[in-house]
Amino acid sequence: MKKNLIIRVSGDLQGTLFRQEARQKAEKLGLNGTAHYEPDGNLHIEVEGAPEQLDAYRQWCEQGPDGTHVSHIAVEEGALQGYDRFIEMPM
């Protein structure tokens, strides 16, 4: 059964291609959703898929791509949106 997670990533993220790598990681895991930077510089990710892949994705978000310093992630379950791909969105 599919689930939806809302993940907010805090830390030194700007200039690290975190949003793009978040999309690539989601696609590799077969997940769909969206990612955009919030005005405060945090990354907001909404992602859907199987629980096992979502857990792997959440763990990846805790580290992020090389050159990223993740200080905190907040994760909550959300309502399924029915995404059919992963989209990087502007602010």
C-alpha atoms as a PDB file:
ATOM      1  CA  MET A   1       0.000   0.000   0.000  1.00  0.00           C
ATOM      2  CA  LYS A   2       1.359   3.419  -0.971  1.00  0.00           C
ATOM      3  CA  LYS A   3       2.052   6.087   1.607  1.00  0.00           C
ATOM      4  CA  ASN A   4       2.818   9.804   1.475  1.00  0.00           C
ATOM      5  CA  LEU A   5       5.592  11.453   3.478  1.00  0.00           C
ATOM      6  CA  ILE A   6       6.253  15.150   3.896  1.00  0.00           C
ATOM      7  CA  ILE A   7       9.927  15.738   4.651  1.00  0.00           C
ATOM      8  CA  ARG A   8      11.454  19.091   5.589  1.00  0.00           C
ATOM      9  CA  VAL A   9      15.238  19.177   5.446  1.00  0.00           C
ATOM     10  CA  SER A  10      17.206  21.877   7.298  1.00  0.00           C
ATOM     11  CA  GLY A  11      20.906  22.679   7.083  1.00  0.00           C
ATOM     12  CA  ASP A  12      23.448  24.066   4.619  1.00  0.00           C
ATOM     13  CA  LEU A  13      21.615  23.044   1.449  1.00  0.00           C
ATOM     14  CA  GLN A  14      21.936  25.935  -0.996  1.00  0.00           C
ATOM     15  CA  GLY A  15      24.346  25.338  -3.855  1.00  0.00           C
ATOM     16  CA  THR A  16      24.613  21.597  -3.177  1.00  0.00           C
ATOM     17  CA  LEU A  17      22.104  20.383  -5.800  1.00  0.00           C
ATOM     18  CA  PHE A  18      20.137  18.709  -2.996  1.00  0.00           C
ATOM     19  CA  ARG A  19      16.799  19.244  -4.752  1.00  0.00           C
ATOM     20  CA  GLN A  20      18.053  17.696  -8.000  1.00  0.00           C
ATOM     21  CA  GLU A  21      19.683  14.771  -6.242  1.00  0.00           C
ATOM     22  CA  ALA A  22      16.515  14.278  -4.162  1.00  0.00           C
ATOM     23  CA  ARG A  23      14.600  13.861  -7.435  1.00  0.00           C
ATOM     24  CA  GLN A  24      17.181  11.447  -8.831  1.00  0.00           C
ATOM     25  CA  LYS A  25      17.202   9.351  -5.642  1.00  0.00           C
ATOM     26  CA  ALA A  26      13.385   9.229  -5.622  1.00  0.00           C
ATOM     27  CA  GLU A  27      13.312   8.117  -9.255  1.00  0.00           C
ATOM     28  CA  LYS A  28      15.865   5.359  -8.553  1.00  0.00           C
ATOM     29  CA  LEU A  29      13.651   4.111  -5.720  1.00  0.00           C
ATOM     30  CA  GLY A  30      10.482   4.283  -7.824  1.00  0.00           C
ATOM     31  CA  LEU A  31       8.985   7.144  -5.806  1.00  0.00           C
ATOM     32  CA  ASN A  32       6.951  10.111  -7.042  1.00  0.00           C
ATOM     33  CA  GLY A  33       6.381  13.563  -5.581  1.00  0.00           C
ATOM     34  CA  THR A  34       7.719  17.111  -5.462  1.00  0.00           C
ATOM     35  CA  ALA A  35      10.618  19.073  -3.991  1.00  0.00           C
ATOM     36  CA  HIS A  36      11.060  22.810  -3.578  1.00  0.00           C
ATOM     37  CA  TYR A  37      13.048  25.218  -1.444  1.00  0.00           C
ATOM     38  CA  GLU A  38      11.073  27.218   1.079  1.00  0.00           C
ATOM     39  CA  PRO A  39      11.784  30.936   1.605  1.00  0.00           C
ATOM     40  CA  ASP A  40      13.798  30.089   4.757  1.00  0.00           C
ATOM     41  CA  GLY A  41      16.166  27.871   2.718  1.00  0.00           C
ATOM     42  CA  ASN A  42      14.781  24.542   3.949  1.00  0.00           C
ATOM     43  CA  LEU A  43      13.896  21.890   1.409  1.00  0.00           C
ATOM     44  CA  HIS A  44      10.272  20.718   1.361  1.00  0.00           C
ATOM     45  CA  ILE A  45       9.797  17.247  -0.134  1.00  0.00           C
ATOM     46  CA  GLU A  46       6.520  15.412  -0.578  1.00  0.00           C
ATOM     47  CA  VAL A  47       7.062  11.845  -1.711  1.00  0.00           C
ATOM     48  CA  GLU A  48       4.853   8.808  -2.314  1.00  0.00           C
ATOM     49  CA  GLY A  49       5.446   5.123  -2.747  1.00  0.00           C
ATOM     50  CA  ALA A  50       5.908   1.807  -0.998  1.00  0.00           C
ATOM     51  CA  PRO A  51       6.861   1.957   2.714  1.00  0.00           C
ATOM     52  CA  GLU A  52      10.218   0.181   2.213  1.00  0.00           C
ATOM     53  CA  GLN A  53      11.348   2.643  -0.473  1.00  0.00           C
ATOM     54  CA  LEU A  54      10.070   5.599   1.563  1.00  0.00           C
ATOM     55  CA  ASP A  55      12.142   4.445   4.536  1.00  0.00           C
ATOM     56  CA  ALA A  56      15.273   4.202   2.367  1.00  0.00           C
ATOM     57  CA  TYR A  57      14.543   7.677   0.986  1.00  0.00           C
ATOM     58  CA  ARG A  58      14.054   9.156   4.449  1.00  0.00           C
ATOM     59  CA  GLN A  59      17.393   7.698   5.520  1.00  0.00           C
ATOM     60  CA  TRP A  60      19.074   9.205   2.448  1.00  0.00           C
ATOM     61  CA  CYS A  61      17.567  12.629   3.290  1.00  0.00           C
ATOM     62  CA  GLU A  62      19.221  12.477   6.719  1.00  0.00           C
ATOM     63  CA  GLN A  63      22.630  12.536   4.988  1.00  0.00           C
ATOM     64  CA  GLY A  64      21.912  14.219   1.661  1.00  0.00           C
ATOM     65  CA  PRO A  65      24.346  14.471  -1.239  1.00  0.00           C
ATOM     66  CA  ASP A  66      28.080  15.122  -0.838  1.00  0.00           C
ATOM     67  CA  GLY A  67      28.817  18.657   0.296  1.00  0.00           C
ATOM     68  CA  THR A  68      25.566  18.951   2.214  1.00  0.00           C
ATOM     69  CA  HIS A  69      25.310  19.470   5.953  1.00  0.00           C
ATOM     70  CA  VAL A  70      21.873  18.296   7.108  1.00  0.00           C
ATOM     71  CA  SER A  71      21.169  19.568  10.598  1.00  0.00           C
ATOM     72  CA  HIS A  72      17.586  18.288  10.977  1.00  0.00           C
ATOM     73  CA  ILE A  73      14.771  16.566   9.116  1.00  0.00           C
ATOM     74  CA  ALA A  74      11.118  16.584  10.095  1.00  0.00           C
ATOM     75  CA  VAL A  75       8.941  13.797   8.699  1.00  0.00           C
ATOM     76  CA  GLU A  76       5.176  13.457   8.823  1.00  0.00           C
ATOM     77  CA  GLU A  77       2.650  11.340   6.981  1.00  0.00           C
ATOM     78  CA  GLY A  78       0.405  13.142   4.537  1.00  0.00           C
ATOM     79  CA  ALA A  79      -2.582  12.367   2.354  1.00  0.00           C
ATOM     80  CA  LEU A  80      -1.911  10.570  -0.926  1.00  0.00           C
ATOM     81  CA  GLN A  81      -1.834  13.018  -3.834  1.00  0.00           C
ATOM     82  CA  GLY A  82      -1.475  10.529  -6.700  1.00  0.00           C
ATOM     83  CA  TYR A  83       1.769  11.905  -8.143  1.00  0.00           C
ATOM     84  CA  ASP A  84       2.801  10.164 -11.361  1.00  0.00           C
ATOM     85  CA  ARG A  85       6.432  11.385 -11.385  1.00  0.00           C
ATOM     86  CA  PHE A  86       8.849  13.435  -9.304  1.00  0.00           C
ATOM     87  CA  ILE A  87       8.941  17.156 -10.030  1.00  0.00           C
ATOM     88  CA  GLU A  88      11.470  19.778  -8.905  1.00  0.00           C
ATOM     89  CA  MET A  89       9.462  22.920  -8.300  1.00  0.00           C
ATOM     90  CA  PRO A  90      10.666  26.523  -8.016  1.00  0.00           C
ATOM     91  CA  MET A  91      10.315  28.305  -4.676  1.00  0.00           C
END
